C-alpha atoms as a PDB file:
ATOM      1  CA  MET A   1       1.582  -8.706   5.938  1.00  0.00           C
ATOM      2  CA  LYS A   2      -1.738  -6.807   5.527  1.00  0.00           C
ATOM      3  CA  VAL A   3      -2.237  -3.937   2.418  1.00  0.00           C
ATOM      4  CA  VAL A   4      -5.199  -2.315   2.006  1.00  0.00           C
ATOM      5  CA  VAL A   5      -5.554  -1.732  -2.235  1.00  0.00           C
ATOM      6  CA  GLN A   6      -7.202   1.348  -2.806  1.00  0.00           C
ATOM      7  CA  ARG A   7      -7.681   1.960  -6.498  1.00  0.00           C
ATOM      8  CA  VAL A   8      -7.713   6.275  -7.006  1.00  0.00           C
ATOM      9  CA  LYS A   9      -8.076   8.813  -9.768  1.00  0.00           C
ATOM     10  CA  LYS A  10      -5.084  10.610  -7.198  1.00  0.00           C
ATOM     11  CA  ALA A  11      -3.515  10.317  -4.040  1.00  0.00           C
ATOM     12  CA  SER A  12      -0.783  12.530  -2.992  1.00  0.00           C
ATOM     13  CA  VAL A  13       1.171  12.416   1.237  1.00  0.00           C
ATOM     14  CA  GLU A  14       1.866  15.413   3.008  1.00  0.00           C
ATOM     15  CA  ILE A  15       5.294  16.337   5.659  1.00  0.00           C
ATOM     16  CA  GLU A  16       4.561  19.111   7.419  1.00  0.00           C
ATOM     17  CA  GLY A  17       2.748  20.691   4.383  1.00  0.00           C
ATOM     18  CA  THR A  18       4.890  19.455   2.033  1.00  0.00           C
ATOM     19  CA  THR A  19       4.416  16.816  -0.737  1.00  0.00           C
ATOM     20  CA  ILE A  20       6.769  14.402  -1.394  1.00  0.00           C
ATOM     21  CA  GLY A  21       4.606  11.686  -2.923  1.00  0.00           C
ATOM     22  CA  GLN A  22       1.897  12.105  -5.363  1.00  0.00           C
ATOM     23  CA  ILE A  23       0.452   9.902  -8.072  1.00  0.00           C
ATOM     24  CA  ASN A  24      -2.486  10.125 -10.462  1.00  0.00           C
ATOM     25  CA  GLN A  25      -4.571   7.090 -11.735  1.00  0.00           C
ATOM     26  CA  GLY A  26      -3.131   4.134  -9.706  1.00  0.00           C
ATOM     27  CA  LEU A  27      -2.910   2.902  -6.704  1.00  0.00           C
ATOM     28  CA  MET A  28      -2.780   3.859  -3.057  1.00  0.00           C
ATOM     29  CA  LEU A  29      -1.506   1.220  -0.795  1.00  0.00           C
ATOM     30  CA  LEU A  30      -1.477   1.187   3.243  1.00  0.00           C
ATOM     31  CA  VAL A  31       0.902  -1.374   4.027  1.00  0.00           C
ATOM     32  CA  GLY A  32       1.481  -2.944   7.223  1.00  0.00           C
ATOM     33  CA  ILE A  33       3.929  -5.157   8.187  1.00  0.00           C
ATOM     34  CA  LYS A  34       3.772  -7.546  11.306  1.00  0.00           C
ATOM     35  CA  ARG A  35       5.926  -9.285  13.383  1.00  0.00           C
ATOM     36  CA  GLY A  36       7.728 -12.448  11.713  1.00  0.00           C
ATOM     37  CA  ASP A  37       6.861 -11.221   8.035  1.00  0.00           C
ATOM     38  CA  THR A  38       9.522 -12.736   5.591  1.00  0.00           C
ATOM     39  CA  VAL A  39      10.871 -11.557   2.290  1.00  0.00           C
ATOM     40  CA  GLU A  40       8.540 -14.525   0.856  1.00  0.00           C
ATOM     41  CA  ASP A  41       5.874 -12.863   2.145  1.00  0.00           C
ATOM     42  CA  ILE A  42       6.263  -9.045   0.995  1.00  0.00           C
ATOM     43  CA  ALA A  43       7.138 -11.082  -2.409  1.00  0.00           C
ATOM     44  CA  TYR A  44       3.535 -12.801  -2.545  1.00  0.00           C
ATOM     45  CA  ALA A  45       1.599  -9.389  -1.611  1.00  0.00           C
ATOM     46  CA  ALA A  46       3.842  -7.219  -3.876  1.00  0.00           C
ATOM     47  CA  ASP A  47       3.318  -9.524  -6.882  1.00  0.00           C
ATOM     48  CA  LYS A  48      -0.331 -10.387  -6.071  1.00  0.00           C
ATOM     49  CA  ILE A  49      -0.812  -6.089  -6.378  1.00  0.00           C
ATOM     50  CA  ALA A  50       1.175  -5.823  -9.216  1.00  0.00           C
ATOM     51  CA  GLY A  51      -1.737  -8.792 -11.142  1.00  0.00           C
ATOM     52  CA  LEU A  52      -4.498  -7.428  -9.459  1.00  0.00           C
ATOM     53  CA  ARG A  53      -7.001  -7.271 -11.983  1.00  0.00           C
ATOM     54  CA  ILE A  54      -8.917  -4.289 -10.523  1.00  0.00           C
ATOM     55  CA  PHE A  55      -9.157  -1.578 -13.601  1.00  0.00           C
ATOM     56  CA  GLU A  56     -11.936  -1.700 -15.900  1.00  0.00           C
ATOM     57  CA  ASP A  57     -11.374  -2.519 -19.550  1.00  0.00           C
ATOM     58  CA  GLN A  58     -12.790  -1.124 -22.437  1.00  0.00           C
ATOM     59  CA  GLU A  59     -16.112  -3.231 -21.746  1.00  0.00           C
ATOM     60  CA  GLY A  60     -16.300  -1.861 -17.866  1.00  0.00           C
ATOM     61  CA  LYS A  61     -15.135  -5.139 -16.580  1.00  0.00           C
ATOM     62  CA  MET A  62     -12.544  -5.225 -13.793  1.00  0.00           C
ATOM     63  CA  ASN A  63     -10.306  -7.008 -16.178  1.00  0.00           C
ATOM     64  CA  ARG A  64      -6.736  -5.139 -15.717  1.00  0.00           C
ATOM     65  CA  SER A  65      -3.704  -5.126 -14.251  1.00  0.00           C
ATOM     66  CA  ILE A  66      -2.045  -2.002 -12.538  1.00  0.00           C
ATOM     67  CA  ILE A  67       0.373  -2.533 -15.049  1.00  0.00           C
ATOM     68  CA  ASP A  68      -2.257  -3.153 -17.741  1.00  0.00           C
ATOM     69  CA  ALA A  69      -3.640   0.266 -17.165  1.00  0.00           C
ATOM     70  CA  GLY A  70       0.122   1.923 -17.171  1.00  0.00           C
ATOM     71  CA  GLY A  71      -1.258   3.216 -13.468  1.00  0.00           C
ATOM     72  CA  GLU A  72       0.854   4.559 -10.435  1.00  0.00           C
ATOM     73  CA  ILE A  73       1.533   3.553  -6.703  1.00  0.00           C
ATOM     74  CA  LEU A  74       1.439   5.400  -3.903  1.00  0.00           C
ATOM     75  CA  SER A  75       2.398   3.034  -1.017  1.00  0.00           C
ATOM     76  CA  VAL A  76       2.535   4.322   2.635  1.00  0.00           C
ATOM     77  CA  SER A  77       3.933   2.551   5.550  1.00  0.00           C
ATOM     78  CA  GLN A  78       1.171   1.813   8.009  1.00  0.00           C
ATOM     79  CA  PHE A  79       1.407   0.111  11.216  1.00  0.00           C
ATOM     80  CA  THR A  80      -1.468   1.023  12.691  1.00  0.00           C
ATOM     81  CA  LEU A  81      -2.989  -1.321  10.232  1.00  0.00           C
ATOM     82  CA  TYR A  82      -2.207  -4.033  13.156  1.00  0.00           C
ATOM     83  CA  GLY A  83      -3.832  -2.342  15.946  1.00  0.00           C
ATOM     84  CA  ASP A  84      -5.701  -4.728  17.998  1.00  0.00           C
ATOM     85  CA  THR A  85      -8.135  -3.318  19.627  1.00  0.00           C
ATOM     86  CA  ALA A  86     -10.185  -6.929  21.333  1.00  0.00           C
ATOM     87  CA  HIS A  87      -9.693  -5.663  24.980  1.00  0.00           C
ATOM     88  CA  GLY A  88     -10.114  -1.897  26.389  1.00  0.00           C
ATOM     89  CA  ARG A  89     -10.435   0.972  23.801  1.00  0.00           C
ATOM     90  CA  ARG A  90      -6.997   1.765  22.909  1.00  0.00           C
ATOM     91  CA  PRO A  91      -5.337  -0.279  20.607  1.00  0.00           C
ATOM     92  CA  SER A  92      -2.472  -2.493  21.372  1.00  0.00           C
ATOM     93  CA  PHE A  93       0.004  -2.303  18.332  1.00  0.00           C
ATOM     94  CA  ILE A  94       2.008  -5.716  19.781  1.00  0.00           C
ATOM     95  CA  GLU A  95       1.338  -7.707  16.117  1.00  0.00           C
ATOM     96  CA  ALA A  96       3.108  -4.902  14.428  1.00  0.00           C
ATOM     97  CA  ALA A  97       7.054  -5.487  13.302  1.00  0.00           C
ATOM     98  CA  ARG A  98       9.548  -3.239  15.127  1.00  0.00           C
ATOM     99  CA  PRO A  99      10.453  -0.580  13.185  1.00  0.00           C
ATOM    100  CA  GLU A 100      14.080  -2.089  12.454  1.00  0.00           C
ATOM    101  CA  GLU A 101      12.575  -5.340  11.427  1.00  0.00           C
ATOM    102  CA  ALA A 102       9.626  -3.057   9.276  1.00  0.00           C
ATOM    103  CA  GLU A 103      11.748  -0.790   7.478  1.00  0.00           C
ATOM    104  CA  PRO A 104      13.999  -3.325   5.031  1.00  0.00           C
ATOM    105  CA  LEU A 105      10.934  -5.260   4.441  1.00  0.00           C
ATOM    106  CA  TYR A 106       9.062  -2.132   3.134  1.00  0.00           C
ATOM    107  CA  GLU A 107      11.541  -0.923   1.214  1.00  0.00           C
ATOM    108  CA  ALA A 108      12.041  -4.409  -0.131  1.00  0.00           C
ATOM    109  CA  PHE A 109       7.861  -4.634  -1.032  1.00  0.00           C
ATOM    110  CA  ASN A 110       8.521  -1.370  -2.990  1.00  0.00           C
ATOM    111  CA  ALA A 111      11.889  -2.378  -5.012  1.00  0.00           C
ATOM    112  CA  ARG A 112       9.782  -5.457  -6.050  1.00  0.00           C
ATOM    113  CA  LEU A 113       6.954  -3.205  -7.440  1.00  0.00           C
ATOM    114  CA  ARG A 114       9.456  -1.697  -8.934  1.00  0.00           C
ATOM    115  CA  SER A 115      10.768  -4.368 -10.471  1.00  0.00           C
ATOM    116  CA  ARG A 116       7.394  -4.856 -12.478  1.00  0.00           C
ATOM    117  CA  GLY A 117       8.069  -2.082 -14.334  1.00  0.00           C
ATOM    118  CA  ILE A 118       5.058   0.247 -11.909  1.00  0.00           C
ATOM    119  CA  SER A 119       6.204   4.023 -10.420  1.00  0.00           C
ATOM    120  CA  VAL A 120       6.341   3.494  -7.099  1.00  0.00           C
ATOM    121  CA  SER A 121       5.527   6.876  -4.938  1.00  0.00           C
ATOM    122  CA  THR A 122       6.172   6.321  -0.950  1.00  0.00           C
ATOM    123  CA  GLY A 123       5.638   8.568   1.686  1.00  0.00           C
ATOM    124  CA  ARG A 124       8.867   8.359   4.835  1.00  0.00           C
ATOM    125  CA  PHE A 125       8.516   5.505   6.932  1.00  0.00           C
ATOM    126  CA  GLY A 126       7.543   6.654  10.690  1.00  0.00           C
ATOM    127  CA  ALA A 127       6.711   9.707   9.908  1.00  0.00           C
ATOM    128  CA  MET A 128       3.272  11.870  10.502  1.00  0.00           C
ATOM    129  CA  MET A 129       1.801  11.688   7.087  1.00  0.00           C
ATOM    130  CA  ALA A 130      -1.268  13.841   5.548  1.00  0.00           C
ATOM    131  CA  VAL A 131      -2.728  11.161   3.011  1.00  0.00           C
ATOM    132  CA  SER A 132      -4.761  12.425   0.428  1.00  0.00           C
ATOM    133  CA  LEU A 133      -6.836  10.377  -1.893  1.00  0.00           C
ATOM    134  CA  ILE A 134     -10.070  10.318  -4.493  1.00  0.00           C
ATOM    135  CA  ASN A 135     -10.863   6.627  -4.481  1.00  0.00           C
ATOM    136  CA  ASP A 136     -12.037   5.832  -7.798  1.00  0.00           C
ATOM    137  CA  GLY A 137     -15.050   3.289  -7.575  1.00  0.00           C
ATOM    138  CA  PRO A 138     -14.697   3.155  -4.369  1.00  0.00           C
ATOM    139  CA  VAL A 139     -12.928  -0.071  -5.142  1.00  0.00           C
ATOM    140  CA  THR A 140     -11.031  -1.216  -2.260  1.00  0.00           C
ATOM    141  CA  ILE A 141      -9.754  -4.420  -1.616  1.00  0.00           C
ATOM    142  CA  ILE A 142      -7.476  -5.990   1.564  1.00  0.00           C
ATOM    143  CA  ILE A 143      -4.881  -8.460   0.700  1.00  0.00           C
ATOM    144  CA  GLU A 144      -3.110 -10.178   3.556  1.00  0.00           C
ATOM    145  CA  LYS A 145      -0.469 -13.285   3.962  1.00  0.00           C
END
């Protein structure tokens, strides 16, 4: 599993011109599921993100989690995170999990975040989406399991 975590001032996702998910202050997550990922991998990543201290405290130090900051999450499935460009110029996506394997794990990942009391909006699995965000910092972290 690979998740690109971006601290944002706001973010949204549209499908065919219709906004289907949006947040204000919080985290934009691009979520990649690879072949062989397990429920344990999903739990690890969700718990890591929920506790990740990348929001500033009163002294300006990154010392608060999304839960502490009262932020929201926009989670977007992103199989292209597993694009391998080692050979040639066209990426190979052989490492990415097939949709029938990835979608239940992606849903479990979002459910795990919600179980921590975090408001989670999502895109639509497998859809072509337009994602907009205003990065805050910028702060971008990659979590890999």
